[in-house]
């Protein structure tokens, strides 16, 4: 993956491949930022949009699993954000 060269210019294929590669692990927020220059929430929103609009070419089972993964990550990020606001 191109680091600084891909800021804002990642292809749909690059986003989906990255999401698939990191899906088994904890949220790779630092890797997402270094690789794409965006927050993990923005990353997962973009991947989810690609998947739900048919712009990602995956088999049905893989697509369904990745959609669920993206939604889970977005829920966790929202929960973490609300918890950090209530602590502050």
PDB file of N, CA and C in Angstrom:
ATOM      1  N   UNK A   1       0.846  -1.177   0.000  1.00  0.00           N
ATOM      2  CA  UNK A   1       0.000   0.000   0.000  1.00  0.00           C
ATOM      3  C   UNK A   1       0.890   1.239   0.000  1.00  0.00           C
ATOM      4  N   UNK A   2       0.537   2.199  -0.794  1.00  0.00           N
ATOM      5  CA  UNK A   2       1.289   3.452  -0.824  1.00  0.00           C
ATOM      6  C   UNK A   2       0.890   4.277   0.387  1.00  0.00           C
ATOM      7  N   UNK A   3       1.846   4.780   1.136  1.00  0.00           N
ATOM      8  CA  UNK A   3       1.513   5.557   2.324  1.00  0.00           C
ATOM      9  C   UNK A   3       1.084   6.964   1.938  1.00  0.00           C
ATOM     10  N   UNK A   4       1.997   7.909   1.915  1.00  0.00           N
ATOM     11  CA  UNK A   4       1.617   9.298   1.681  1.00  0.00           C
ATOM     12  C   UNK A   4       1.023   9.520   0.294  1.00  0.00           C
ATOM     13  N   UNK A   5       1.390   8.708  -0.679  1.00  0.00           N
ATOM     14  CA  UNK A   5       0.867   8.877  -2.032  1.00  0.00           C
ATOM     15  C   UNK A   5      -0.624   8.578  -2.104  1.00  0.00           C
ATOM     16  N   UNK A   6      -1.150   7.816  -1.172  1.00  0.00           N
ATOM     17  CA  UNK A   6      -2.553   7.425  -1.264  1.00  0.00           C
ATOM     18  C   UNK A   6      -3.488   8.332  -0.478  1.00  0.00           C
ATOM     19  N   UNK A   7      -2.987   9.364   0.176  1.00  0.00           N
ATOM     20  CA  UNK A   7      -3.855  10.256   0.926  1.00  0.00           C
ATOM     21  C   UNK A   7      -4.933  10.812   0.008  1.00  0.00           C
ATOM     22  N   UNK A   8      -6.168  10.448   0.279  1.00  0.00           N
ATOM     23  CA  UNK A   8      -7.289  10.960  -0.483  1.00  0.00           C
ATOM     24  C   UNK A   8      -7.412  10.403  -1.888  1.00  0.00           C
ATOM     25  N   UNK A   9      -6.500   9.531  -2.284  1.00  0.00           N
ATOM     26  CA  UNK A   9      -6.522   9.028  -3.653  1.00  0.00           C
ATOM     27  C   UNK A   9      -6.601   7.504  -3.710  1.00  0.00           C
ATOM     28  N   UNK A  10      -7.032   6.888  -2.647  1.00  0.00           N
ATOM     29  CA  UNK A  10      -7.110   5.426  -2.612  1.00  0.00           C
ATOM     30  C   UNK A  10      -8.226   4.954  -3.526  1.00  0.00           C
ATOM     31  N   UNK A  11      -7.954   3.884  -4.219  1.00  0.00           N
ATOM     32  CA  UNK A  11      -8.981   3.302  -5.089  1.00  0.00           C
ATOM     33  C   UNK A  11      -9.940   2.465  -4.245  1.00  0.00           C
ATOM     34  N   UNK A  12     -11.125   2.210  -4.759  1.00  0.00           N
ATOM     35  CA  UNK A  12     -12.047   1.333  -4.040  1.00  0.00           C
ATOM     36  C   UNK A  12     -11.423  -0.030  -3.741  1.00  0.00           C
ATOM     37  N   UNK A  13     -10.676  -0.554  -4.689  1.00  0.00           N
ATOM     38  CA  UNK A  13     -10.029  -1.849  -4.486  1.00  0.00           C
ATOM     39  C   UNK A  13      -9.047  -1.803  -3.324  1.00  0.00           C
ATOM     40  N   UNK A  14      -8.269  -0.736  -3.223  1.00  0.00           N
ATOM     41  CA  UNK A  14      -7.306  -0.604  -2.122  1.00  0.00           C
ATOM     42  C   UNK A  14      -8.021  -0.538  -0.775  1.00  0.00           C
ATOM     43  N   UNK A  15      -9.109   0.210  -0.710  1.00  0.00           N
ATOM     44  CA  UNK A  15      -9.855   0.324   0.546  1.00  0.00           C
ATOM     45  C   UNK A  15     -10.415  -1.027   0.977  1.00  0.00           C
ATOM     46  N   UNK A  16     -11.030  -1.720   0.038  1.00  0.00           N
ATOM     47  CA  UNK A  16     -11.650  -3.009   0.355  1.00  0.00           C
ATOM     48  C   UNK A  16     -10.590  -4.044   0.710  1.00  0.00           C
ATOM     49  N   UNK A  17      -9.500  -4.107  -0.026  1.00  0.00           N
ATOM     50  CA  UNK A  17      -8.426  -5.057   0.288  1.00  0.00           C
ATOM     51  C   UNK A  17      -7.860  -4.818   1.679  1.00  0.00           C
ATOM     52  N   UNK A  18      -7.664  -3.552   2.017  1.00  0.00           N
ATOM     53  CA  UNK A  18      -7.149  -3.205   3.344  1.00  0.00           C
ATOM     54  C   UNK A  18      -8.137  -3.644   4.413  1.00  0.00           C
ATOM     55  N   UNK A  19      -9.409  -3.356   4.199  1.00  0.00           N
ATOM     56  CA  UNK A  19     -10.439  -3.741   5.172  1.00  0.00           C
ATOM     57  C   UNK A  19     -10.478  -5.253   5.357  1.00  0.00           C
ATOM     58  N   UNK A  20     -10.384  -5.991   4.275  1.00  0.00           N
ATOM     59  CA  UNK A  20     -10.379  -7.455   4.365  1.00  0.00           C
ATOM     60  C   UNK A  20      -9.146  -7.967   5.102  1.00  0.00           C
ATOM     61  N   UNK A  21      -7.995  -7.385   4.797  1.00  0.00           N
ATOM     62  CA  UNK A  21      -6.752  -7.834   5.420  1.00  0.00           C
ATOM     63  C   UNK A  21      -6.738  -7.596   6.924  1.00  0.00           C
ATOM     64  N   UNK A  22      -7.316  -6.486   7.362  1.00  0.00           N
ATOM     65  CA  UNK A  22      -7.279  -6.128   8.777  1.00  0.00           C
ATOM     66  C   UNK A  22      -8.517  -6.573   9.553  1.00  0.00           C
ATOM     67  N   UNK A  23      -9.512  -7.101   8.899  1.00  0.00           N
ATOM     68  CA  UNK A  23     -10.762  -7.479   9.563  1.00  0.00           C
ATOM     69  C   UNK A  23     -10.568  -8.414  10.759  1.00  0.00           C
ATOM     70  N   UNK A  24      -9.658  -9.381  10.700  1.00  0.00           N
ATOM     71  CA  UNK A  24      -9.517 -10.286  11.846  1.00  0.00           C
ATOM     72  C   UNK A  24      -8.872  -9.658  13.085  1.00  0.00           C
ATOM     73  N   UNK A  25      -8.380  -8.437  12.957  1.00  0.00           N
ATOM     74  CA  UNK A  25      -7.614  -7.817  14.036  1.00  0.00           C
ATOM     75  C   UNK A  25      -8.379  -6.672  14.691  1.00  0.00           C
ATOM     76  N   UNK A  26      -7.790  -6.125  15.729  1.00  0.00           N
ATOM     77  CA  UNK A  26      -8.352  -4.936  16.374  1.00  0.00           C
ATOM     78  C   UNK A  26      -8.415  -3.798  15.361  1.00  0.00           C
ATOM     79  N   UNK A  27      -9.152  -2.760  15.692  1.00  0.00           N
ATOM     80  CA  UNK A  27      -9.285  -1.601  14.808  1.00  0.00           C
ATOM     81  C   UNK A  27      -7.899  -1.023  14.508  1.00  0.00           C
ATOM     82  N   UNK A  28      -7.498  -1.029  13.237  1.00  0.00           N
ATOM     83  CA  UNK A  28      -6.170  -0.524  12.874  1.00  0.00           C
ATOM     84  C   UNK A  28      -6.170   0.984  12.626  1.00  0.00           C
ATOM     85  N   UNK A  29      -6.683   1.755  13.564  1.00  0.00           N
ATOM     86  CA  UNK A  29      -6.840   3.201  13.369  1.00  0.00           C
ATOM     87  C   UNK A  29      -5.534   3.872  12.962  1.00  0.00           C
ATOM     88  N   UNK A  30      -4.438   3.508  13.608  1.00  0.00           N
ATOM     89  CA  UNK A  30      -3.151   4.119  13.261  1.00  0.00           C
ATOM     90  C   UNK A  30      -2.727   3.756  11.845  1.00  0.00           C
ATOM     91  N   UNK A  31      -2.893   2.496  11.478  1.00  0.00           N
ATOM     92  CA  UNK A  31      -2.533   2.055  10.126  1.00  0.00           C
ATOM     93  C   UNK A  31      -3.415   2.727   9.076  1.00  0.00           C
ATOM     94  N   UNK A  32      -4.690   2.878   9.391  1.00  0.00           N
ATOM     95  CA  UNK A  32      -5.607   3.548   8.460  1.00  0.00           C
ATOM     96  C   UNK A  32      -5.156   4.986   8.243  1.00  0.00           C
ATOM     97  N   UNK A  33      -4.824   5.663   9.329  1.00  0.00           N
ATOM     98  CA  UNK A  33      -4.415   7.057   9.193  1.00  0.00           C
ATOM     99  C   UNK A  33      -3.102   7.184   8.414  1.00  0.00           C
ATOM    100  N   UNK A  34      -2.142   6.336   8.736  1.00  0.00           N
ATOM    101  CA  UNK A  34      -0.848   6.392   8.041  1.00  0.00           C
ATOM    102  C   UNK A  34      -1.003   6.057   6.562  1.00  0.00           C
ATOM    103  N   UNK A  35      -1.819   5.063   6.264  1.00  0.00           N
ATOM    104  CA  UNK A  35      -1.970   4.594   4.883  1.00  0.00           C
ATOM    105  C   UNK A  35      -2.848   5.503   4.038  1.00  0.00           C
ATOM    106  N   UNK A  36      -3.974   5.959   4.605  1.00  0.00           N
ATOM    107  CA  UNK A  36      -4.958   6.698   3.821  1.00  0.00           C
ATOM    108  C   UNK A  36      -5.145   8.153   4.250  1.00  0.00           C
ATOM    109  N   UNK A  37      -4.645   8.517   5.424  1.00  0.00           N
ATOM    110  CA  UNK A  37      -4.779   9.892   5.899  1.00  0.00           C
ATOM    111  C   UNK A  37      -6.175  10.256   6.363  1.00  0.00           C
ATOM    112  N   UNK A  38      -6.938   9.247   6.799  1.00  0.00           N
ATOM    113  CA  UNK A  38      -8.303   9.483   7.273  1.00  0.00           C
ATOM    114  C   UNK A  38      -8.519   8.720   8.582  1.00  0.00           C
ATOM    115  N   UNK A  39      -9.532   9.119   9.317  1.00  0.00           N
ATOM    116  CA  UNK A  39      -9.857   8.411  10.558  1.00  0.00           C
ATOM    117  C   UNK A  39     -10.448   7.042  10.234  1.00  0.00           C
ATOM    118  N   UNK A  40     -10.456   6.171  11.222  1.00  0.00           N
ATOM    119  CA  UNK A  40     -11.027   4.850  10.978  1.00  0.00           C
ATOM    120  C   UNK A  40     -12.534   4.943  10.716  1.00  0.00           C
ATOM    121  N   UNK A  41     -13.215   5.898  11.334  1.00  0.00           N
ATOM    122  CA  UNK A  41     -14.652   6.051  11.068  1.00  0.00           C
ATOM    123  C   UNK A  41     -14.905   6.428   9.617  1.00  0.00           C
ATOM    124  N   UNK A  42     -14.145   7.366   9.096  1.00  0.00           N
ATOM    125  CA  UNK A  42     -14.297   7.761   7.692  1.00  0.00           C
ATOM    126  C   UNK A  42     -13.953   6.577   6.789  1.00  0.00           C
ATOM    127  N   UNK A  43     -12.896   5.856   7.122  1.00  0.00           N
ATOM    128  CA  UNK A  43     -12.499   4.678   6.341  1.00  0.00           C
ATOM    129  C   UNK A  43     -13.636   3.671   6.270  1.00  0.00           C
ATOM    130  N   UNK A  44     -14.198   3.306   7.428  1.00  0.00           N
ATOM    131  CA  UNK A  44     -15.263   2.300   7.443  1.00  0.00           C
ATOM    132  C   UNK A  44     -16.539   2.813   6.771  1.00  0.00           C
ATOM    133  N   UNK A  45     -16.815   4.109   6.860  1.00  0.00           N
ATOM    134  CA  UNK A  45     -17.962   4.667   6.142  1.00  0.00           C
ATOM    135  C   UNK A  45     -17.760   4.536   4.635  1.00  0.00           C
ATOM    136  N   UNK A  46     -16.545   4.795   4.163  1.00  0.00           N
ATOM    137  CA  UNK A  46     -16.259   4.688   2.726  1.00  0.00           C
ATOM    138  C   UNK A  46     -16.342   3.244   2.250  1.00  0.00           C
ATOM    139  N   UNK A  47     -15.762   2.324   3.012  1.00  0.00           N
ATOM    140  CA  UNK A  47     -15.820   0.915   2.630  1.00  0.00           C
ATOM    141  C   UNK A  47     -17.268   0.438   2.626  1.00  0.00           C
ATOM    142  N   UNK A  48     -18.023   0.808   3.637  1.00  0.00           N
ATOM    143  CA  UNK A  48     -19.438   0.424   3.697  1.00  0.00           C
ATOM    144  C   UNK A  48     -20.204   0.967   2.492  1.00  0.00           C
ATOM    145  N   UNK A  49     -19.946   2.203   2.125  1.00  0.00           N
ATOM    146  CA  UNK A  49     -20.605   2.784   0.955  1.00  0.00           C
ATOM    147  C   UNK A  49     -20.241   2.013  -0.315  1.00  0.00           C
ATOM    148  N   UNK A  50     -18.974   1.630  -0.450  1.00  0.00           N
ATOM    149  CA  UNK A  50     -18.556   0.847  -1.621  1.00  0.00           C
ATOM    150  C   UNK A  50     -19.293  -0.488  -1.667  1.00  0.00           C
ATOM    151  N   UNK A  51     -19.414  -1.112  -0.519  1.00  0.00           N
ATOM    152  CA  UNK A  51     -20.054  -2.427  -0.460  1.00  0.00           C
ATOM    153  C   UNK A  51     -21.552  -2.346  -0.720  1.00  0.00           C
ATOM    154  N   UNK A  52     -22.205  -1.360  -0.158  1.00  0.00           N
ATOM    155  CA  UNK A  52     -23.664  -1.279  -0.263  1.00  0.00           C
ATOM    156  C   UNK A  52     -24.133  -0.690  -1.586  1.00  0.00           C
ATOM    157  N   UNK A  53     -23.227  -0.095  -2.357  1.00  0.00           N
ATOM    158  CA  UNK A  53     -23.601   0.448  -3.663  1.00  0.00           C
ATOM    159  C   UNK A  53     -23.113  -0.436  -4.806  1.00  0.00           C
ATOM    160  N   UNK A  54     -22.521  -1.573  -4.466  1.00  0.00           N
ATOM    161  CA  UNK A  54     -22.089  -2.513  -5.488  1.00  0.00           C
ATOM    162  C   UNK A  54     -20.773  -2.180  -6.165  1.00  0.00           C
ATOM    163  N   UNK A  55     -19.993  -1.275  -5.588  1.00  0.00           N
ATOM    164  CA  UNK A  55     -18.714  -0.896  -6.190  1.00  0.00           C
ATOM    165  C   UNK A  55     -17.558  -1.803  -5.784  1.00  0.00           C
ATOM    166  N   UNK A  56     -17.823  -2.751  -4.915  1.00  0.00           N
ATOM    167  CA  UNK A  56     -16.795  -3.706  -4.505  1.00  0.00           C
ATOM    168  C   UNK A  56     -17.160  -5.059  -5.090  1.00  0.00           C
ATOM    169  N   UNK A  57     -16.209  -5.695  -5.699  1.00  0.00           N
ATOM    170  CA  UNK A  57     -16.480  -6.991  -6.331  1.00  0.00           C
ATOM    171  C   UNK A  57     -16.030  -8.118  -5.418  1.00  0.00           C
ATOM    172  N   UNK A  58     -16.956  -8.545  -4.581  1.00  0.00           N
ATOM    173  CA  UNK A  58     -16.705  -9.639  -3.651  1.00  0.00           C
ATOM    174  C   UNK A  58     -17.824 -10.650  -3.809  1.00  0.00           C
ATOM    175  N   UNK A  59     -17.546 -11.874  -3.362  1.00  0.00           N
ATOM    176  CA  UNK A  59     -18.661 -12.817  -3.371  1.00  0.00           C
ATOM    177  C   UNK A  59     -19.629 -12.418  -2.266  1.00  0.00           C
ATOM    178  N   UNK A  60     -20.833 -12.929  -2.335  1.00  0.00           N
ATOM    179  CA  UNK A  60     -21.904 -12.489  -1.438  1.00  0.00           C
ATOM    180  C   UNK A  60     -21.538 -12.687   0.032  1.00  0.00           C
ATOM    181  N   UNK A  61     -21.029 -13.857   0.381  1.00  0.00           N
ATOM    182  CA  UNK A  61     -20.703 -14.136   1.785  1.00  0.00           C
ATOM    183  C   UNK A  61     -19.624 -13.191   2.307  1.00  0.00           C
ATOM    184  N   UNK A  62     -18.610 -12.954   1.493  1.00  0.00           N
ATOM    185  CA  UNK A  62     -17.524 -12.059   1.898  1.00  0.00           C
ATOM    186  C   UNK A  62     -18.033 -10.627   2.035  1.00  0.00           C
ATOM    187  N   UNK A  63     -18.885 -10.215   1.128  1.00  0.00           N
ATOM    188  CA  UNK A  63     -19.455  -8.878   1.174  1.00  0.00           C
ATOM    189  C   UNK A  63     -20.329  -8.685   2.412  1.00  0.00           C
ATOM    190  N   UNK A  64     -21.184  -9.662   2.700  1.00  0.00           N
ATOM    191  CA  UNK A  64     -22.053  -9.582   3.879  1.00  0.00           C
ATOM    192  C   UNK A  64     -21.216  -9.504   5.153  1.00  0.00           C
ATOM    193  N   UNK A  65     -20.181 -10.319   5.239  1.00  0.00           N
ATOM    194  CA  UNK A  65     -19.320 -10.313   6.424  1.00  0.00           C
ATOM    195  C   UNK A  65     -18.602  -8.979   6.579  1.00  0.00           C
ATOM    196  N   UNK A  66     -18.122  -8.418   5.479  1.00  0.00           N
ATOM    197  CA  UNK A  66     -17.410  -7.147   5.559  1.00  0.00           C
ATOM    198  C   UNK A  66     -18.358  -5.993   5.874  1.00  0.00           C
ATOM    199  N   UNK A  67     -19.577  -6.026   5.362  1.00  0.00           N
ATOM    200  CA  UNK A  67     -20.578  -5.013   5.710  1.00  0.00           C
ATOM    201  C   UNK A  67     -20.820  -5.041   7.217  1.00  0.00           C
ATOM    202  N   UNK A  68     -21.019  -6.229   7.767  1.00  0.00           N
ATOM    203  CA  UNK A  68     -21.244  -6.349   9.210  1.00  0.00           C
ATOM    204  C   UNK A  68     -20.033  -5.865  10.007  1.00  0.00           C
ATOM    205  N   UNK A  69     -18.850  -6.200   9.522  1.00  0.00           N
ATOM    206  CA  UNK A  69     -17.617  -5.755  10.185  1.00  0.00           C
ATOM    207  C   UNK A  69     -17.539  -4.224  10.197  1.00  0.00           C
ATOM    208  N   UNK A  70     -17.810  -3.599   9.069  1.00  0.00           N
ATOM    209  CA  UNK A  70     -17.772  -2.137   8.998  1.00  0.00           C
ATOM    210  C   UNK A  70     -18.793  -1.513   9.947  1.00  0.00           C
ATOM    211  N   UNK A  71     -19.995  -2.059   9.966  1.00  0.00           N
ATOM    212  CA  UNK A  71     -21.029  -1.535  10.868  1.00  0.00           C
ATOM    213  C   UNK A  71     -20.623  -1.702  12.331  1.00  0.00           C
ATOM    214  N   UNK A  72     -20.024  -2.835  12.660  1.00  0.00           N
ATOM    215  CA  UNK A  72     -19.537  -3.048  14.028  1.00  0.00           C
ATOM    216  C   UNK A  72     -18.484  -2.018  14.403  1.00  0.00           C
ATOM    217  N   UNK A  73     -17.534  -1.799  13.505  1.00  0.00           N
ATOM    218  CA  UNK A  73     -16.462  -0.826  13.770  1.00  0.00           C
ATOM    219  C   UNK A  73     -17.032   0.583  13.938  1.00  0.00           C
ATOM    220  N   UNK A  74     -17.993   0.931  13.109  1.00  0.00           N
ATOM    221  CA  UNK A  74     -18.605   2.255  13.229  1.00  0.00           C
ATOM    222  C   UNK A  74     -19.351   2.398  14.551  1.00  0.00           C
ATOM    223  N   UNK A  75     -20.042   1.343  14.982  1.00  0.00           N
ATOM    224  CA  UNK A  75     -20.734   1.380  16.283  1.00  0.00           C
ATOM    225  C   UNK A  75     -19.725   1.537  17.420  1.00  0.00           C
ATOM    226  N   UNK A  76     -18.633   0.780  17.359  1.00  0.00           N
ATOM    227  CA  UNK A  76     -17.605   0.884  18.401  1.00  0.00           C
ATOM    228  C   UNK A  76     -16.977   2.272  18.427  1.00  0.00           C
ATOM    229  N   UNK A  77     -16.697   2.817  17.259  1.00  0.00           N
ATOM    230  CA  UNK A  77     -16.110   4.158  17.209  1.00  0.00           C
ATOM    231  C   UNK A  77     -17.065   5.198  17.789  1.00  0.00           C
ATOM    232  N   UNK A  78     -18.349   5.075  17.490  1.00  0.00           N
ATOM    233  CA  UNK A  78     -19.340   6.009  18.031  1.00  0.00           C
ATOM    234  C   UNK A  78     -19.449   5.869  19.544  1.00  0.00           C
ATOM    235  N   UNK A  79     -19.407   4.633  20.027  1.00  0.00           N
ATOM    236  CA  UNK A  79     -19.466   4.395  21.464  1.00  0.00           C
ATOM    237  C   UNK A  79     -18.253   4.992  22.165  1.00  0.00           C
ATOM    238  N   UNK A  80     -17.085   4.766  21.609  1.00  0.00           N
ATOM    239  CA  UNK A  80     -15.848   5.328  22.182  1.00  0.00           C
ATOM    240  C   UNK A  80     -15.891   6.850  22.191  1.00  0.00           C
ATOM    241  N   UNK A  81     -16.392   7.453  21.122  1.00  0.00           N
ATOM    242  CA  UNK A  81     -16.481   8.896  21.046  1.00  0.00           C
ATOM    243  C   UNK A  81     -17.439   9.450  22.090  1.00  0.00           C
ATOM    244  N   UNK A  82     -18.567   8.790  22.287  1.00  0.00           N
ATOM    245  CA  UNK A  82     -19.527   9.284  23.279  1.00  0.00           C
ATOM    246  C   UNK A  82     -18.983   9.093  24.689  1.00  0.00           C
ATOM    247  N   UNK A  83     -18.254   8.012  24.921  1.00  0.00           N
ATOM    248  CA  UNK A  83     -17.659   7.800  26.237  1.00  0.00           C
ATOM    249  C   UNK A  83     -16.580   8.822  26.531  1.00  0.00           C
ATOM    250  N   UNK A  84     -15.782   9.169  25.542  1.00  0.00           N
ATOM    251  CA  UNK A  84     -14.721  10.150  25.769  1.00  0.00           C
ATOM    252  C   UNK A  84     -15.298  11.535  25.990  1.00  0.00           C
ATOM    253  N   UNK A  85     -16.447  11.834  25.349  1.00  0.00           N
ATOM    254  CA  UNK A  85     -17.084  13.134  25.593  1.00  0.00           C
ATOM    255  C   UNK A  85     -17.664  13.208  26.995  1.00  0.00           C
ATOM    256  N   UNK A  86     -18.196  12.092  27.504  1.00  0.00           N
ATOM    257  CA  UNK A  86     -18.809  12.108  28.834  1.00  0.00           C
ATOM    258  C   UNK A  86     -17.751  12.167  29.931  1.00  0.00           C
ATOM    259  N   UNK A  87     -16.542  11.710  29.636  1.00  0.00           N
ATOM    260  CA  UNK A  87     -15.444  11.761  30.611  1.00  0.00           C
ATOM    261  C   UNK A  87     -14.844  13.151  30.661  1.00  0.00           C
ATOM    262  N   UNK A  88     -14.842  13.845  29.556  1.00  0.00           N
ATOM    263  CA  UNK A  88     -14.204  15.168  29.466  1.00  0.00           C
ATOM    264  C   UNK A  88     -14.965  16.234  30.174  1.00  0.00           C
TER     265      UNK A  88
END
